[in-house]
Amino acid sequence: MSTEKATFGAGCFWGVEAAFAAIPGVTATAVGYEGGSLDRPTYKDVCTDKTGHAEVVELGFDPEKVTYDKLLEAFFELHDPTTLNRQGPDWGAQYRSAIFFHSPEQAAQAHAKIEQLTTDGRYKQRKIVTKVEPAQTFWRAEEYHQRYLEKRGQASCHI
């Protein structure tokens, strides 16, 4: 089995991780921080909204069982990509909508998906603000954040 990597920021990473972990073909998940300027950021650092990091979920997936396009579809269903630096009650740049691509093909697919959703009018008159950026250093979050909802017997924390 060959696996590929995908990284998404869609607000608080706890619920995002749980949703992606439930998709057949996703072989691994980890929550962490990406896209900022501080090396080895902690949750406390990122919560200051001064490091530039987004809360993200890094996935391992088997492309023979789930396509990157299916993961993109799930990503856009999991959150509101039209709210800048905010998801539900959570606000700050760490909660931004972001796709960190690991290949030129992923970048092209992400841009094509945004164009398709815009053309289809899924979000009506609202503009998709999702950033599509090259993958950077993924800083794994503290262990207590990993599989946070699963450890507490919860399936979701979305409002």
N, C-alpha and C. Protein backbone atom coordinates (compact mmCIF):
# COMPACT_ATOMS: atom_id res chain seq x y z
N MET A 1 0.85 -1.18 0.00
CA MET A 1 0.00 0.00 0.00
C MET A 1 0.89 1.24 0.00
N SER A 2 0.63 2.12 -0.96
CA SER A 2 1.35 3.39 -0.95
C SER A 2 0.45 4.44 -0.33
N THR A 3 1.04 5.34 0.43
CA THR A 3 0.25 6.39 1.06
C THR A 3 0.76 7.75 0.62
N GLU A 4 -0.15 8.70 0.68
CA GLU A 4 0.18 10.09 0.39
C GLU A 4 -0.21 10.91 1.60
N LYS A 5 0.23 12.16 1.58
CA LYS A 5 -0.04 13.08 2.68
C LYS A 5 -0.96 14.20 2.21
N ALA A 6 -1.82 14.67 3.11
CA ALA A 6 -2.65 15.84 2.85
C ALA A 6 -2.72 16.62 4.16
N THR A 7 -2.78 17.94 4.07
CA THR A 7 -2.84 18.77 5.28
C THR A 7 -3.89 19.86 5.10
N PHE A 8 -4.80 19.93 6.08
CA PHE A 8 -5.92 20.88 6.00
C PHE A 8 -6.08 21.64 7.32
N GLY A 9 -6.39 22.92 7.20
CA GLY A 9 -6.77 23.75 8.34
C GLY A 9 -8.22 24.17 8.15
N ALA A 10 -9.08 23.82 9.09
CA ALA A 10 -10.52 24.10 8.96
C ALA A 10 -11.12 24.50 10.30
N GLY A 11 -10.39 25.27 11.07
CA GLY A 11 -10.86 25.65 12.40
C GLY A 11 -10.23 24.76 13.46
N CYS A 12 -10.89 24.65 14.60
CA CYS A 12 -10.39 23.82 15.70
C CYS A 12 -10.09 22.42 15.19
N PHE A 13 -8.89 21.95 15.44
CA PHE A 13 -8.48 20.68 14.84
C PHE A 13 -9.09 19.44 15.44
N TRP A 14 -9.72 19.52 16.61
CA TRP A 14 -10.27 18.31 17.24
C TRP A 14 -11.37 17.67 16.38
N GLY A 15 -12.36 18.45 16.01
CA GLY A 15 -13.46 17.91 15.21
C GLY A 15 -13.05 17.57 13.80
N VAL A 16 -12.13 18.35 13.25
CA VAL A 16 -11.65 18.11 11.90
C VAL A 16 -10.91 16.77 11.84
N GLU A 17 -10.09 16.52 12.85
CA GLU A 17 -9.38 15.24 12.89
C GLU A 17 -10.35 14.07 12.98
N ALA A 18 -11.34 14.17 13.85
CA ALA A 18 -12.31 13.08 14.01
C ALA A 18 -13.05 12.80 12.71
N ALA A 19 -13.43 13.84 12.00
CA ALA A 19 -14.17 13.67 10.75
C ALA A 19 -13.30 13.00 9.69
N PHE A 20 -12.07 13.45 9.54
CA PHE A 20 -11.19 12.84 8.55
C PHE A 20 -10.82 11.41 8.93
N ALA A 21 -10.62 11.15 10.21
CA ALA A 21 -10.26 9.79 10.66
C ALA A 21 -11.34 8.78 10.31
N ALA A 22 -12.58 9.22 10.19
CA ALA A 22 -13.70 8.32 9.90
C ALA A 22 -13.83 7.99 8.41
N ILE A 23 -13.07 8.63 7.56
CA ILE A 23 -13.17 8.40 6.11
C ILE A 23 -12.38 7.15 5.73
N PRO A 24 -13.04 6.17 5.11
CA PRO A 24 -12.31 4.98 4.65
C PRO A 24 -11.19 5.38 3.68
N GLY A 25 -10.01 4.85 3.91
CA GLY A 25 -8.85 5.17 3.09
C GLY A 25 -7.89 6.13 3.77
N VAL A 26 -8.37 6.83 4.81
CA VAL A 26 -7.48 7.65 5.61
C VAL A 26 -6.78 6.70 6.57
N THR A 27 -5.46 6.66 6.49
CA THR A 27 -4.70 5.66 7.25
C THR A 27 -4.10 6.21 8.54
N ALA A 28 -3.98 7.53 8.64
CA ALA A 28 -3.40 8.14 9.84
C ALA A 28 -3.80 9.61 9.91
N THR A 29 -3.92 10.11 11.13
CA THR A 29 -4.17 11.53 11.33
C THR A 29 -3.29 12.02 12.47
N ALA A 30 -2.92 13.28 12.38
CA ALA A 30 -2.21 13.95 13.48
C ALA A 30 -2.61 15.41 13.44
N VAL A 31 -2.80 16.00 14.61
CA VAL A 31 -3.11 17.42 14.67
C VAL A 31 -1.84 18.18 15.01
N GLY A 32 -1.78 19.41 14.50
CA GLY A 32 -0.60 20.22 14.75
C GLY A 32 -0.76 21.61 14.21
N TYR A 33 0.38 22.23 13.96
CA TYR A 33 0.43 23.64 13.57
C TYR A 33 1.29 23.77 12.33
N GLU A 34 0.85 24.63 11.41
CA GLU A 34 1.62 24.82 10.17
C GLU A 34 1.39 26.24 9.66
N GLY A 35 2.38 26.72 8.93
CA GLY A 35 2.24 27.99 8.26
C GLY A 35 2.70 29.21 9.03
N GLY A 36 3.40 29.02 10.11
CA GLY A 36 3.83 30.16 10.93
C GLY A 36 5.33 30.35 10.94
N SER A 37 5.76 31.25 11.80
CA SER A 37 7.17 31.64 11.83
C SER A 37 7.96 31.09 13.03
N LEU A 38 7.28 30.59 14.02
CA LEU A 38 7.96 30.13 15.24
C LEU A 38 8.28 28.64 15.15
N ASP A 39 9.51 28.27 15.45
CA ASP A 39 9.88 26.85 15.50
C ASP A 39 9.32 26.22 16.77
N ARG A 40 8.84 25.00 16.64
CA ARG A 40 8.32 24.21 17.75
C ARG A 40 7.25 24.96 18.57
N PRO A 41 6.23 25.49 17.90
CA PRO A 41 5.21 26.23 18.65
C PRO A 41 4.41 25.29 19.55
N THR A 42 3.93 25.83 20.63
CA THR A 42 3.03 25.11 21.53
C THR A 42 1.61 25.62 21.28
N TYR A 43 0.66 24.93 21.85
CA TYR A 43 -0.74 25.37 21.74
C TYR A 43 -0.87 26.78 22.32
N LYS A 44 -0.21 27.01 23.44
CA LYS A 44 -0.27 28.32 24.09
C LYS A 44 0.29 29.40 23.15
N ASP A 45 1.39 29.10 22.46
CA ASP A 45 1.97 30.04 21.50
C ASP A 45 0.98 30.35 20.38
N VAL A 46 0.43 29.31 19.79
CA VAL A 46 -0.45 29.47 18.64
C VAL A 46 -1.72 30.23 19.02
N CYS A 47 -2.21 30.01 20.23
CA CYS A 47 -3.43 30.69 20.69
C CYS A 47 -3.25 32.19 20.88
N THR A 48 -2.02 32.68 20.87
CA THR A 48 -1.81 34.13 20.96
C THR A 48 -2.18 34.82 19.65
N ASP A 49 -2.32 34.04 18.57
CA ASP A 49 -2.63 34.57 17.24
C ASP A 49 -1.47 35.44 16.73
N LYS A 50 -0.26 35.18 17.24
CA LYS A 50 0.90 35.99 16.83
C LYS A 50 1.97 35.17 16.11
N THR A 51 1.81 33.85 16.02
CA THR A 51 2.85 33.02 15.41
C THR A 51 2.63 32.83 13.91
N GLY A 52 1.42 33.06 13.44
CA GLY A 52 1.10 32.85 12.04
C GLY A 52 0.72 31.42 11.70
N HIS A 53 0.71 30.52 12.68
CA HIS A 53 0.35 29.13 12.43
C HIS A 53 -1.16 28.95 12.34
N ALA A 54 -1.55 27.94 11.59
CA ALA A 54 -2.94 27.48 11.56
C ALA A 54 -3.00 26.15 12.30
N GLU A 55 -4.12 25.91 12.97
CA GLU A 55 -4.37 24.57 13.51
C GLU A 55 -4.71 23.69 12.30
N VAL A 56 -3.98 22.59 12.15
CA VAL A 56 -4.16 21.73 10.98
C VAL A 56 -4.27 20.26 11.38
N VAL A 57 -4.76 19.49 10.41
CA VAL A 57 -4.74 18.03 10.52
C VAL A 57 -3.93 17.53 9.34
N GLU A 58 -2.91 16.74 9.65
CA GLU A 58 -2.10 16.09 8.62
C GLU A 58 -2.60 14.66 8.48
N LEU A 59 -2.91 14.26 7.26
CA LEU A 59 -3.46 12.94 6.99
C LEU A 59 -2.49 12.09 6.20
N GLY A 60 -2.52 10.80 6.48
CA GLY A 60 -1.95 9.83 5.57
C GLY A 60 -3.16 9.17 4.92
N PHE A 61 -3.10 8.97 3.60
CA PHE A 61 -4.24 8.33 2.95
C PHE A 61 -3.77 7.42 1.82
N ASP A 62 -4.57 6.41 1.55
CA ASP A 62 -4.31 5.45 0.48
C ASP A 62 -5.07 5.93 -0.74
N PRO A 63 -4.38 6.44 -1.77
CA PRO A 63 -5.06 7.00 -2.93
C PRO A 63 -5.85 5.97 -3.74
N GLU A 64 -5.62 4.68 -3.47
CA GLU A 64 -6.42 3.65 -4.15
C GLU A 64 -7.77 3.47 -3.46
N LYS A 65 -7.90 4.00 -2.23
CA LYS A 65 -9.15 3.85 -1.48
C LYS A 65 -9.92 5.16 -1.34
N VAL A 66 -9.20 6.27 -1.34
CA VAL A 66 -9.85 7.59 -1.27
C VAL A 66 -9.01 8.57 -2.08
N THR A 67 -9.68 9.31 -2.95
CA THR A 67 -8.96 10.27 -3.78
C THR A 67 -8.74 11.58 -3.03
N TYR A 68 -7.76 12.32 -3.48
CA TYR A 68 -7.52 13.65 -2.91
C TYR A 68 -8.75 14.53 -3.14
N ASP A 69 -9.40 14.37 -4.28
CA ASP A 69 -10.62 15.15 -4.55
C ASP A 69 -11.70 14.85 -3.52
N LYS A 70 -11.85 13.61 -3.11
CA LYS A 70 -12.83 13.26 -2.06
C LYS A 70 -12.45 13.91 -0.74
N LEU A 71 -11.16 13.97 -0.44
CA LEU A 71 -10.71 14.64 0.79
C LEU A 71 -11.00 16.14 0.72
N LEU A 72 -10.80 16.73 -0.46
CA LEU A 72 -11.13 18.15 -0.63
C LEU A 72 -12.62 18.38 -0.41
N GLU A 73 -13.43 17.50 -0.96
CA GLU A 73 -14.89 17.64 -0.78
C GLU A 73 -15.24 17.58 0.71
N ALA A 74 -14.65 16.64 1.42
CA ALA A 74 -14.90 16.53 2.86
C ALA A 74 -14.44 17.80 3.57
N PHE A 75 -13.27 18.30 3.20
CA PHE A 75 -12.74 19.53 3.79
C PHE A 75 -13.74 20.68 3.67
N PHE A 76 -14.29 20.86 2.48
CA PHE A 76 -15.21 21.97 2.28
C PHE A 76 -16.56 21.75 2.96
N GLU A 77 -16.92 20.51 3.22
CA GLU A 77 -18.16 20.23 3.95
C GLU A 77 -18.00 20.39 5.46
N LEU A 78 -16.77 20.29 5.95
CA LEU A 78 -16.49 20.32 7.39
C LEU A 78 -16.52 21.70 8.03
N HIS A 79 -16.42 22.74 7.21
CA HIS A 79 -16.31 24.08 7.78
C HIS A 79 -16.85 25.10 6.79
N ASP A 80 -16.88 26.35 7.22
CA ASP A 80 -17.32 27.43 6.35
C ASP A 80 -16.08 28.12 5.77
N PRO A 81 -15.78 27.85 4.50
CA PRO A 81 -14.57 28.43 3.91
C PRO A 81 -14.73 29.89 3.50
N THR A 82 -15.84 30.50 3.87
CA THR A 82 -16.07 31.91 3.51
C THR A 82 -15.86 32.85 4.69
N THR A 83 -15.53 32.31 5.85
CA THR A 83 -15.29 33.17 7.01
C THR A 83 -13.79 33.31 7.23
N LEU A 84 -13.33 34.54 7.23
CA LEU A 84 -11.91 34.81 7.35
C LEU A 84 -11.46 34.69 8.81
N ASN A 85 -10.53 33.77 9.05
CA ASN A 85 -9.93 33.60 10.38
C ASN A 85 -10.97 33.35 11.47
N ARG A 86 -11.96 32.54 11.13
CA ARG A 86 -13.00 32.24 12.11
C ARG A 86 -13.76 30.98 11.71
N GLN A 87 -14.08 30.17 12.72
CA GLN A 87 -14.99 29.05 12.55
C GLN A 87 -15.85 28.99 13.80
N GLY A 88 -17.15 29.16 13.65
CA GLY A 88 -18.03 29.16 14.81
C GLY A 88 -17.58 30.20 15.82
N PRO A 89 -17.47 29.79 17.08
CA PRO A 89 -17.08 30.75 18.12
C PRO A 89 -15.57 31.01 18.18
N ASP A 90 -14.81 30.26 17.40
CA ASP A 90 -13.35 30.39 17.43
C ASP A 90 -12.90 31.42 16.40
N TRP A 91 -12.08 32.35 16.83
CA TRP A 91 -11.58 33.36 15.90
C TRP A 91 -10.09 33.57 16.09
N GLY A 92 -9.45 34.00 15.03
CA GLY A 92 -8.01 34.22 14.99
C GLY A 92 -7.42 33.51 13.78
N ALA A 93 -6.26 33.96 13.35
CA ALA A 93 -5.63 33.39 12.15
C ALA A 93 -5.34 31.89 12.30
N GLN A 94 -5.22 31.41 13.53
CA GLN A 94 -4.96 29.98 13.73
C GLN A 94 -6.15 29.12 13.30
N TYR A 95 -7.32 29.74 13.13
CA TYR A 95 -8.52 29.00 12.72
C TYR A 95 -8.85 29.22 11.25
N ARG A 96 -7.90 29.75 10.49
CA ARG A 96 -8.16 30.04 9.08
C ARG A 96 -8.40 28.77 8.27
N SER A 97 -9.06 28.97 7.16
CA SER A 97 -9.29 27.91 6.20
C SER A 97 -8.07 27.81 5.30
N ALA A 98 -7.39 26.66 5.32
CA ALA A 98 -6.14 26.53 4.56
C ALA A 98 -5.94 25.11 4.06
N ILE A 99 -5.40 25.03 2.87
CA ILE A 99 -4.98 23.76 2.29
C ILE A 99 -3.47 23.88 2.07
N PHE A 100 -2.71 23.01 2.73
CA PHE A 100 -1.26 22.98 2.55
C PHE A 100 -0.96 21.80 1.62
N PHE A 101 -0.59 22.12 0.39
CA PHE A 101 -0.41 21.06 -0.61
C PHE A 101 0.99 20.46 -0.56
N HIS A 102 1.05 19.17 -0.91
CA HIS A 102 2.30 18.41 -0.87
C HIS A 102 2.85 18.09 -2.26
N SER A 103 2.14 18.53 -3.31
CA SER A 103 2.60 18.29 -4.68
C SER A 103 1.92 19.30 -5.60
N PRO A 104 2.49 19.50 -6.78
CA PRO A 104 1.83 20.38 -7.75
C PRO A 104 0.42 19.88 -8.12
N GLU A 105 0.25 18.57 -8.13
CA GLU A 105 -1.06 18.00 -8.45
C GLU A 105 -2.09 18.37 -7.38
N GLN A 106 -1.70 18.29 -6.11
CA GLN A 106 -2.61 18.69 -5.04
C GLN A 106 -2.96 20.18 -5.15
N ALA A 107 -1.99 21.01 -5.46
CA ALA A 107 -2.25 22.45 -5.61
C ALA A 107 -3.26 22.68 -6.73
N ALA A 108 -3.05 22.02 -7.86
CA ALA A 108 -3.95 22.19 -9.00
C ALA A 108 -5.36 21.71 -8.65
N GLN A 109 -5.46 20.58 -7.96
CA GLN A 109 -6.78 20.06 -7.57
C GLN A 109 -7.47 20.99 -6.58
N ALA A 110 -6.72 21.55 -5.65
CA ALA A 110 -7.31 22.47 -4.66
C ALA A 110 -7.85 23.72 -5.36
N HIS A 111 -7.06 24.30 -6.25
CA HIS A 111 -7.51 25.49 -6.98
C HIS A 111 -8.72 25.17 -7.85
N ALA A 112 -8.71 24.00 -8.49
CA ALA A 112 -9.83 23.59 -9.34
C ALA A 112 -11.10 23.39 -8.51
N LYS A 113 -10.96 22.83 -7.31
CA LYS A 113 -12.12 22.62 -6.44
C LYS A 113 -12.72 23.96 -6.02
N ILE A 114 -11.87 24.91 -5.66
CA ILE A 114 -12.36 26.24 -5.27
C ILE A 114 -13.08 26.90 -6.45
N GLU A 115 -12.50 26.77 -7.63
CA GLU A 115 -13.15 27.34 -8.82
C GLU A 115 -14.50 26.67 -9.08
N GLN A 116 -14.53 25.35 -8.96
CA GLN A 116 -15.79 24.61 -9.17
C GLN A 116 -16.86 25.04 -8.18
N LEU A 117 -16.50 25.11 -6.90
CA LEU A 117 -17.47 25.50 -5.87
C LEU A 117 -17.95 26.93 -6.08
N THR A 118 -17.07 27.78 -6.53
CA THR A 118 -17.44 29.18 -6.82
C THR A 118 -18.40 29.23 -8.00
N THR A 119 -18.06 28.52 -9.07
CA THR A 119 -18.91 28.48 -10.26
C THR A 119 -20.27 27.86 -9.97
N ASP A 120 -20.28 26.80 -9.18
CA ASP A 120 -21.53 26.12 -8.83
C ASP A 120 -22.41 26.95 -7.91
N GLY A 121 -21.81 27.98 -7.29
CA GLY A 121 -22.57 28.84 -6.40
C GLY A 121 -22.92 28.20 -5.06
N ARG A 122 -22.14 27.23 -4.64
CA ARG A 122 -22.44 26.55 -3.38
C ARG A 122 -22.54 27.52 -2.21
N TYR A 123 -21.72 28.55 -2.23
CA TYR A 123 -21.70 29.50 -1.11
C TYR A 123 -22.39 30.82 -1.47
N LYS A 124 -23.22 30.75 -2.50
CA LYS A 124 -24.01 31.89 -2.97
C LYS A 124 -23.12 33.10 -3.25
N GLN A 125 -23.38 34.20 -2.65
CA GLN A 125 -22.62 35.43 -2.95
C GLN A 125 -21.36 35.57 -2.10
N ARG A 126 -21.11 34.62 -1.20
CA ARG A 126 -19.93 34.73 -0.34
C ARG A 126 -18.69 34.19 -1.05
N LYS A 127 -17.57 34.81 -0.83
CA LYS A 127 -16.31 34.42 -1.47
C LYS A 127 -15.57 33.39 -0.60
N ILE A 128 -15.05 32.37 -1.25
CA ILE A 128 -14.22 31.39 -0.55
C ILE A 128 -12.89 32.05 -0.23
N VAL A 129 -12.49 32.03 1.05
CA VAL A 129 -11.25 32.68 1.48
C VAL A 129 -10.15 31.67 1.82
N THR A 130 -10.37 30.41 1.51
CA THR A 130 -9.39 29.36 1.77
C THR A 130 -8.07 29.69 1.10
N LYS A 131 -6.99 29.63 1.88
CA LYS A 131 -5.64 29.82 1.35
C LYS A 131 -5.10 28.48 0.88
N VAL A 132 -4.48 28.47 -0.29
CA VAL A 132 -3.83 27.27 -0.82
C VAL A 132 -2.33 27.59 -0.82
N GLU A 133 -1.60 26.88 0.05
CA GLU A 133 -0.19 27.19 0.28
C GLU A 133 0.64 25.91 0.21
N PRO A 134 1.91 26.04 -0.16
CA PRO A 134 2.77 24.85 -0.11
C PRO A 134 2.92 24.37 1.33
N ALA A 135 2.98 23.06 1.50
CA ALA A 135 3.20 22.48 2.82
C ALA A 135 4.51 23.01 3.38
N GLN A 136 4.50 23.30 4.65
CA GLN A 136 5.68 23.78 5.35
C GLN A 136 6.00 22.77 6.45
N THR A 137 6.73 23.19 7.43
CA THR A 137 7.01 22.29 8.54
C THR A 137 5.73 22.06 9.34
N PHE A 138 5.40 20.79 9.52
CA PHE A 138 4.26 20.41 10.35
C PHE A 138 4.80 20.19 11.76
N TRP A 139 4.29 20.98 12.69
CA TRP A 139 4.69 20.83 14.09
C TRP A 139 3.57 20.08 14.80
N ARG A 140 3.84 18.85 15.19
CA ARG A 140 2.84 18.02 15.86
C ARG A 140 2.43 18.68 17.18
N ALA A 141 1.12 18.75 17.41
CA ALA A 141 0.59 19.33 18.65
C ALA A 141 0.88 18.40 19.82
N GLU A 142 0.73 18.94 20.99
CA GLU A 142 0.93 18.19 22.22
C GLU A 142 0.06 16.93 22.21
N GLU A 143 0.54 15.89 22.87
CA GLU A 143 -0.12 14.59 22.82
C GLU A 143 -1.58 14.64 23.28
N TYR A 144 -1.90 15.47 24.26
CA TYR A 144 -3.29 15.50 24.73
C TYR A 144 -4.26 15.99 23.66
N HIS A 145 -3.77 16.64 22.59
CA HIS A 145 -4.63 17.09 21.49
C HIS A 145 -4.88 15.98 20.47
N GLN A 146 -4.00 14.99 20.42
CA GLN A 146 -4.15 13.92 19.43
C GLN A 146 -5.36 13.06 19.78
N ARG A 147 -6.24 12.88 18.77
CA ARG A 147 -7.46 12.07 18.95
C ARG A 147 -8.25 12.53 20.18
N TYR A 148 -8.27 13.83 20.40
CA TYR A 148 -8.87 14.45 21.58
C TYR A 148 -10.32 13.99 21.80
N LEU A 149 -11.14 14.09 20.77
CA LEU A 149 -12.56 13.72 20.93
C LEU A 149 -12.72 12.22 21.16
N GLU A 150 -11.95 11.43 20.43
CA GLU A 150 -12.02 9.97 20.57
C GLU A 150 -11.69 9.56 22.01
N LYS A 151 -10.69 10.18 22.59
CA LYS A 151 -10.29 9.87 23.96
C LYS A 151 -11.40 10.20 24.96
N ARG A 152 -12.28 11.11 24.58
CA ARG A 152 -13.37 11.54 25.47
C ARG A 152 -14.72 10.94 25.09
N GLY A 153 -14.71 10.01 24.14
CA GLY A 153 -15.94 9.34 23.73
C GLY A 153 -16.89 10.24 22.94
N GLN A 154 -16.35 11.27 22.30
CA GLN A 154 -17.16 12.19 21.51
C GLN A 154 -16.85 12.00 20.04
N ALA A 155 -17.84 12.27 19.20
CA ALA A 155 -17.66 12.14 17.76
C ALA A 155 -17.47 13.49 17.08
N SER A 156 -17.94 14.56 17.73
CA SER A 156 -17.90 15.87 17.09
C SER A 156 -17.93 16.96 18.14
N CYS A 157 -17.38 18.12 17.76
CA CYS A 157 -17.50 19.28 18.64
C CYS A 157 -18.00 20.48 17.86
N HIS A 158 -18.45 20.24 16.62
CA HIS A 158 -18.93 21.33 15.78
C HIS A 158 -20.26 21.85 16.29
N ILE A 159 -20.44 23.13 16.12
CA ILE A 159 -21.69 23.77 16.54
C ILE A 159 -22.69 23.67 15.41
